[in-house]
Amino acid sequence: MHEIIYHRGWIKVLTFAALCFAGLGCCSVPGAPMPAVVPCDVPRELGKVTLPPYRIEPPDILQIEAVVLPYNEQTKSVISTEQPRALWPQPVTGQFHVKPDGTVNLGFYGSVQVTGLTLEEAREAIQGFLAYTTKLKPQVIAVAVDVVQFNSKTYYVITDGAGFGEGVFRFPIVGSETVLDAISNIQGLHQVASKRHIWVARRGPAGAPNGCPDQILPVNWCAIAQLGDTRTNYQVMPGDRIYVMAQPIIRTNNTLQKILAPAQQVLGITLLGSETVNSIRGIVP
């Protein structure tokens, strides 16, 4: 009887300690540090902005087509009635991967730097490079460049696992995504997600002279999904982190389970040992 009371006392102590520790750590924060006022110029569903010209970076995939135009040396003009021909000795056509060093390999002609360039700038760079390597005039070479896969400009949806890690989902930027679009990419909110604790963390330059305040944009999920309210359905920008926090009660329950599980195992072994000893004592005359 005394042993049972003793173990119950330890259980109460461990439970109290678990409740104290449950309030510690980054996962126990009740919510994001929400700003008092969200700037009115933040792009939203009904007030989207056009993104600046796309800058090529690794690991984008480009579609490059280059041909030689028929050229009249006397008139110094392109002959429009004749068909262009492929580059010789190797045609330049197809998809090209932007390598980690920022170049695309054009095969026989070598590699050309395209990182940080817009599509028009990349077209001119490739045209000049091919003219230099083939000894042709730049105006004779026609080059078309487009992005097939936008791999370098992305955003992230991070889901809280309620004390069991976090899920990170990476998606390429299309140009007009909103928070609702981002959540739909992960098949909606998880069953442990909290509808009241969702926000967009927008990156900013570090080391600014006056510091860079946190750009936290709170999301009213119920208003977006149930009422069609667009005020917090922000347009997603490259580098945005959309964080979906778990319900605090589920996170606390899981934390208690992780803390108490080892203690329960130890107490179970202790009780089993005590019962075994008592059984042996009862058998021995």
Protein backbone atom coordinates (compact mmCIF):
# COMPACT_ATOMS: atom_id res chain seq x y z
CA MET A 1 0.00 0.00 0.00
CA HIS A 2 2.81 2.40 0.89
CA GLU A 3 4.54 1.61 -2.39
CA ILE A 4 1.41 2.51 -4.38
CA ILE A 5 1.07 5.83 -2.54
CA TYR A 6 4.78 6.45 -3.11
CA HIS A 7 4.48 5.90 -6.85
CA ARG A 8 1.36 8.06 -7.10
CA GLY A 9 3.26 10.85 -5.42
CA TRP A 10 6.03 10.60 -7.98
CA ILE A 11 3.48 10.67 -10.79
CA LYS A 12 2.03 13.92 -9.46
CA VAL A 13 5.51 15.45 -9.21
CA LEU A 14 6.39 14.41 -12.77
CA THR A 15 3.07 15.72 -14.09
CA PHE A 16 3.67 19.10 -12.46
CA ALA A 17 7.20 19.24 -13.89
CA ALA A 18 5.90 18.36 -17.35
CA LEU A 19 3.38 21.17 -17.21
CA CYS A 20 6.17 23.58 -16.32
CA PHE A 21 8.46 22.39 -19.12
CA ALA A 22 5.59 22.45 -21.62
CA GLY A 23 5.70 26.23 -21.50
CA LEU A 24 9.34 26.34 -22.57
CA GLY A 25 10.90 26.27 -26.04
CA CYS A 26 10.06 27.88 -29.37
CA CYS A 27 7.21 25.45 -30.05
CA SER A 28 5.24 26.73 -27.08
CA VAL A 29 4.88 30.27 -28.40
CA PRO A 30 1.11 30.95 -28.51
CA GLY A 31 1.39 32.78 -31.81
CA ALA A 32 3.52 34.88 -34.09
CA PRO A 33 4.67 38.39 -33.07
CA MET A 34 1.86 40.08 -34.92
CA PRO A 35 2.33 43.74 -35.94
CA ALA A 36 -0.16 46.28 -34.69
CA VAL A 37 -0.87 47.54 -38.24
CA VAL A 38 -0.20 45.78 -41.55
CA PRO A 39 0.97 48.23 -44.24
CA CYS A 40 -1.88 49.12 -46.59
CA ASP A 41 0.33 48.74 -49.66
CA VAL A 42 0.91 45.02 -49.12
CA PRO A 43 -0.29 43.24 -52.31
CA ARG A 44 -3.47 41.24 -51.78
CA GLU A 45 -5.83 39.09 -53.83
CA LEU A 46 -7.66 42.05 -55.38
CA GLY A 47 -4.61 44.31 -55.46
CA LYS A 48 -1.83 42.22 -56.94
CA VAL A 49 1.32 43.71 -58.37
CA THR A 50 3.44 42.65 -61.31
CA LEU A 51 6.71 41.11 -60.27
CA PRO A 52 9.92 42.69 -61.60
CA PRO A 53 11.62 41.17 -64.67
CA TYR A 54 12.68 37.62 -63.96
CA ARG A 55 16.37 37.18 -63.18
CA ILE A 56 17.86 33.86 -64.19
CA GLU A 57 19.56 31.86 -61.44
CA PRO A 58 20.52 28.23 -60.84
CA PRO A 59 18.82 25.76 -61.11
CA ASP A 60 16.47 27.25 -63.72
CA ILE A 61 15.93 25.42 -66.99
CA LEU A 62 16.00 27.51 -70.17
CA GLN A 63 14.69 26.89 -73.67
CA ILE A 64 17.24 28.25 -76.13
CA GLU A 65 16.82 28.37 -79.90
CA ALA A 66 19.53 29.83 -82.17
CA VAL A 67 19.54 29.96 -85.98
CA VAL A 68 21.53 31.70 -88.70
CA LEU A 69 19.53 34.16 -90.79
CA PRO A 70 20.17 34.58 -94.53
CA TYR A 71 21.98 37.89 -94.88
CA ASN A 72 22.61 40.12 -97.89
CA GLU A 73 26.04 41.69 -97.61
CA GLN A 74 25.27 44.29 -100.28
CA THR A 75 22.09 45.63 -98.73
CA LYS A 76 23.22 44.86 -95.17
CA SER A 77 19.86 43.34 -94.38
CA VAL A 78 18.26 39.97 -93.65
CA ILE A 79 16.70 38.15 -96.59
CA SER A 80 13.16 37.49 -95.38
CA THR A 81 12.25 35.25 -98.32
CA GLU A 82 14.74 32.55 -97.38
CA GLN A 83 14.55 30.07 -94.52
CA PRO A 84 17.00 30.38 -91.63
CA ARG A 85 19.43 27.52 -91.11
CA ALA A 86 20.80 25.81 -88.04
CA LEU A 87 24.16 26.68 -86.58
CA TRP A 88 27.08 24.65 -87.85
CA PRO A 89 28.77 22.37 -86.79
CA GLN A 90 26.29 21.89 -83.93
CA PRO A 91 22.73 23.24 -83.71
CA VAL A 92 21.72 25.11 -80.56
CA THR A 93 18.18 24.09 -79.73
CA GLY A 94 16.39 22.56 -76.72
CA GLN A 95 16.42 22.85 -72.96
CA PHE A 96 19.54 23.91 -71.07
CA HIS A 97 20.11 23.64 -67.33
CA VAL A 98 21.64 26.62 -65.52
CA LYS A 99 24.59 25.11 -63.67
CA PRO A 100 25.64 26.05 -60.11
CA ASP A 101 28.35 28.35 -61.52
CA GLY A 102 25.64 30.36 -63.31
CA THR A 103 26.41 29.22 -66.86
CA VAL A 104 24.63 27.22 -69.54
CA ASN A 105 26.65 24.77 -71.61
CA LEU A 106 26.03 25.20 -75.34
CA GLY A 107 27.95 22.08 -76.21
CA PHE A 108 30.60 22.54 -78.90
CA TYR A 109 30.59 26.33 -78.45
CA GLY A 110 31.28 26.33 -74.72
CA SER A 111 29.55 27.88 -71.69
CA VAL A 112 28.09 31.35 -71.33
CA GLN A 113 27.24 33.21 -68.10
CA VAL A 114 23.52 33.97 -67.64
CA THR A 115 23.00 34.22 -63.88
CA GLY A 116 21.49 37.54 -62.78
CA LEU A 117 20.36 38.42 -66.29
CA THR A 118 16.84 39.03 -67.56
CA LEU A 119 15.62 37.05 -70.55
CA GLU A 120 16.44 39.90 -72.92
CA GLU A 121 19.90 40.33 -71.42
CA ALA A 122 20.50 36.58 -71.62
CA ARG A 123 19.42 36.57 -75.27
CA GLU A 124 21.91 39.33 -76.10
CA ALA A 125 24.68 37.59 -74.12
CA ILE A 126 24.13 34.28 -75.93
CA GLN A 127 23.90 36.02 -79.29
CA GLY A 128 27.19 37.83 -78.74
CA PHE A 129 28.86 34.68 -77.44
CA LEU A 130 27.78 32.62 -80.46
CA ALA A 131 28.87 35.38 -82.82
CA TYR A 132 32.30 35.40 -81.19
CA THR A 133 32.77 31.62 -81.29
CA THR A 134 31.39 31.13 -84.84
CA LYS A 135 33.01 34.29 -86.30
CA LEU A 136 29.61 35.41 -87.59
CA LYS A 137 28.07 38.83 -87.32
CA PRO A 138 25.69 39.24 -84.34
CA GLN A 139 22.87 40.48 -86.59
CA VAL A 140 23.04 37.23 -88.53
CA ILE A 141 22.32 35.08 -85.48
CA ALA A 142 18.76 35.00 -84.12
CA VAL A 143 18.38 33.77 -80.54
CA ALA A 144 15.23 33.08 -78.52
CA VAL A 145 15.41 32.43 -74.76
CA ASP A 146 12.62 31.48 -72.39
CA VAL A 147 12.33 29.89 -68.95
CA VAL A 148 10.84 26.39 -68.97
CA GLN A 149 11.08 25.73 -65.22
CA PHE A 150 11.19 28.54 -62.67
CA ASN A 151 13.27 26.72 -60.07
CA SER A 152 15.18 29.57 -58.45
CA LYS A 153 12.27 31.75 -57.25
CA THR A 154 10.31 29.85 -54.63
CA TYR A 155 8.22 30.20 -51.48
CA TYR A 156 7.73 27.85 -48.54
CA VAL A 157 4.76 26.52 -46.60
CA ILE A 158 5.83 25.33 -43.15
CA THR A 159 3.45 23.26 -41.04
CA ASP A 160 3.84 22.77 -37.30
CA GLY A 161 3.81 19.11 -36.28
CA ALA A 162 2.38 19.82 -32.83
CA GLY A 163 5.58 18.90 -31.03
CA PHE A 164 6.72 16.30 -33.58
CA GLY A 165 8.84 18.36 -35.94
CA GLU A 166 7.78 20.61 -38.79
CA GLY A 167 6.93 19.97 -42.43
CA VAL A 168 8.53 22.20 -45.09
CA PHE A 169 7.01 22.36 -48.59
CA ARG A 170 8.79 24.27 -51.37
CA PHE A 171 6.92 25.62 -54.41
CA PRO A 172 8.06 27.68 -57.42
CA ILE A 173 6.70 31.18 -57.85
CA VAL A 174 4.25 31.54 -60.74
CA GLY A 175 3.59 35.24 -60.23
CA SER A 176 0.05 35.56 -58.90
CA GLU A 177 -0.20 33.10 -56.00
CA THR A 178 -1.99 34.07 -52.81
CA VAL A 179 -2.05 32.53 -49.35
CA LEU A 180 -5.13 30.52 -50.37
CA ASP A 181 -3.28 29.13 -53.38
CA ALA A 182 -0.30 28.21 -51.19
CA ILE A 183 -2.46 26.33 -48.68
CA SER A 184 -4.23 24.50 -51.50
CA ASN A 185 -0.83 23.22 -52.69
CA ILE A 186 -0.52 21.19 -49.47
CA GLN A 187 -4.09 19.89 -49.77
CA GLY A 188 -5.48 22.28 -47.15
CA LEU A 189 -4.88 22.60 -43.44
CA HIS A 190 -3.75 19.54 -41.51
CA GLN A 191 -6.06 18.14 -38.85
CA VAL A 192 -3.82 19.51 -36.06
CA ALA A 193 -3.49 22.98 -37.65
CA SER A 194 -4.75 26.05 -35.85
CA LYS A 195 -6.90 28.33 -38.00
CA ARG A 196 -6.05 31.24 -35.69
CA HIS A 197 -2.28 30.98 -35.91
CA ILE A 198 -1.27 31.39 -39.57
CA TRP A 199 1.03 34.11 -40.84
CA VAL A 200 3.32 35.11 -43.69
CA ALA A 201 6.94 35.79 -42.73
CA ARG A 202 8.39 38.02 -45.44
CA ARG A 203 12.15 38.14 -45.72
CA GLY A 204 14.02 41.42 -45.57
CA PRO A 205 17.60 42.60 -45.93
CA ALA A 206 19.74 41.86 -42.88
CA GLY A 207 22.17 44.40 -41.48
CA ALA A 208 20.26 47.47 -42.63
CA PRO A 209 21.46 50.77 -41.09
CA ASN A 210 18.28 51.21 -39.07
CA GLY A 211 17.68 47.50 -38.62
CA CYS A 212 15.12 45.41 -40.45
CA PRO A 213 11.86 44.92 -38.52
CA ASP A 214 10.10 41.59 -38.77
CA GLN A 215 7.68 41.56 -41.69
CA ILE A 216 4.95 39.37 -40.20
CA LEU A 217 1.59 39.41 -41.98
CA PRO A 218 -1.19 37.73 -39.95
CA VAL A 219 -3.68 35.60 -41.88
CA ASN A 220 -7.36 35.38 -40.94
CA TRP A 221 -8.04 31.94 -42.38
CA CYS A 222 -11.71 31.74 -41.39
CA ALA A 223 -12.41 35.09 -43.07
CA ILE A 224 -10.64 34.01 -46.27
CA ALA A 225 -12.18 30.54 -46.52
CA GLN A 226 -15.67 31.12 -45.13
CA LEU A 227 -16.43 34.78 -45.88
CA GLY A 228 -14.41 35.47 -49.03
CA ASP A 229 -12.53 38.25 -47.25
CA THR A 230 -9.43 39.23 -49.27
CA ARG A 231 -7.81 41.59 -46.75
CA THR A 232 -5.40 38.97 -45.43
CA ASN A 233 -5.20 36.85 -48.58
CA TYR A 234 -1.80 38.32 -49.43
CA GLN A 235 0.01 37.88 -52.70
CA VAL A 236 2.94 35.52 -52.19
CA MET A 237 6.39 36.90 -52.99
CA PRO A 238 9.65 35.01 -53.69
CA GLY A 239 11.17 33.80 -50.44
CA ASP A 240 7.97 34.08 -48.36
CA ARG A 241 7.47 31.63 -45.47
CA ILE A 242 3.83 30.78 -44.78
CA TYR A 243 3.72 29.27 -41.31
CA VAL A 244 0.79 27.15 -40.14
CA MET A 245 0.95 26.62 -36.38
CA ALA A 246 -0.58 23.62 -34.63
CA GLN A 247 -3.39 23.92 -32.09
CA PRO A 248 -1.81 24.79 -28.72
CA ILE A 249 -3.81 22.16 -26.81
CA ILE A 250 -2.66 19.38 -29.17
CA ARG A 251 0.95 20.58 -29.01
CA THR A 252 0.82 20.66 -25.21
CA ASN A 253 -0.70 17.19 -25.07
CA ASN A 254 2.01 15.77 -27.34
CA THR A 255 4.71 17.50 -25.31
CA LEU A 256 3.35 15.96 -22.11
CA GLN A 257 3.32 12.55 -23.75
CA LYS A 258 6.97 12.88 -24.76
CA ILE A 259 7.99 14.01 -21.28
CA LEU A 260 5.96 11.47 -19.34
CA ALA A 261 6.60 8.46 -21.57
CA PRO A 262 10.11 7.71 -20.18
CA ALA A 263 8.89 8.19 -16.61
CA GLN A 264 5.96 5.87 -17.21
CA GLN A 265 8.30 3.22 -18.58
CA VAL A 266 10.58 3.51 -15.55
CA LEU A 267 7.63 3.34 -13.15
CA GLY A 268 6.20 0.38 -15.05
CA ILE A 269 9.49 -1.51 -14.74
CA THR A 270 9.67 -0.61 -11.03
CA LEU A 271 6.13 -1.80 -10.37
CA LEU A 272 6.76 -4.99 -12.32
CA GLY A 273 9.92 -5.64 -10.30
CA SER A 274 8.08 -4.99 -7.03
CA GLU A 275 5.26 -7.34 -7.98
CA THR A 276 7.78 -9.99 -9.02
CA VAL A 277 9.63 -9.72 -5.69
CA ASN A 278 6.35 -9.86 -3.74
CA SER A 279 5.26 -12.93 -5.72
CA ILE A 280 8.54 -14.70 -4.96
CA ARG A 281 8.25 -13.81 -1.28
CA GLY A 282 4.74 -15.25 -1.25
CA ILE A 283 5.90 -18.53 -2.76
CA VAL A 284 8.95 -19.02 -0.54
CA PRO A 285 7.85 -20.58 2.83
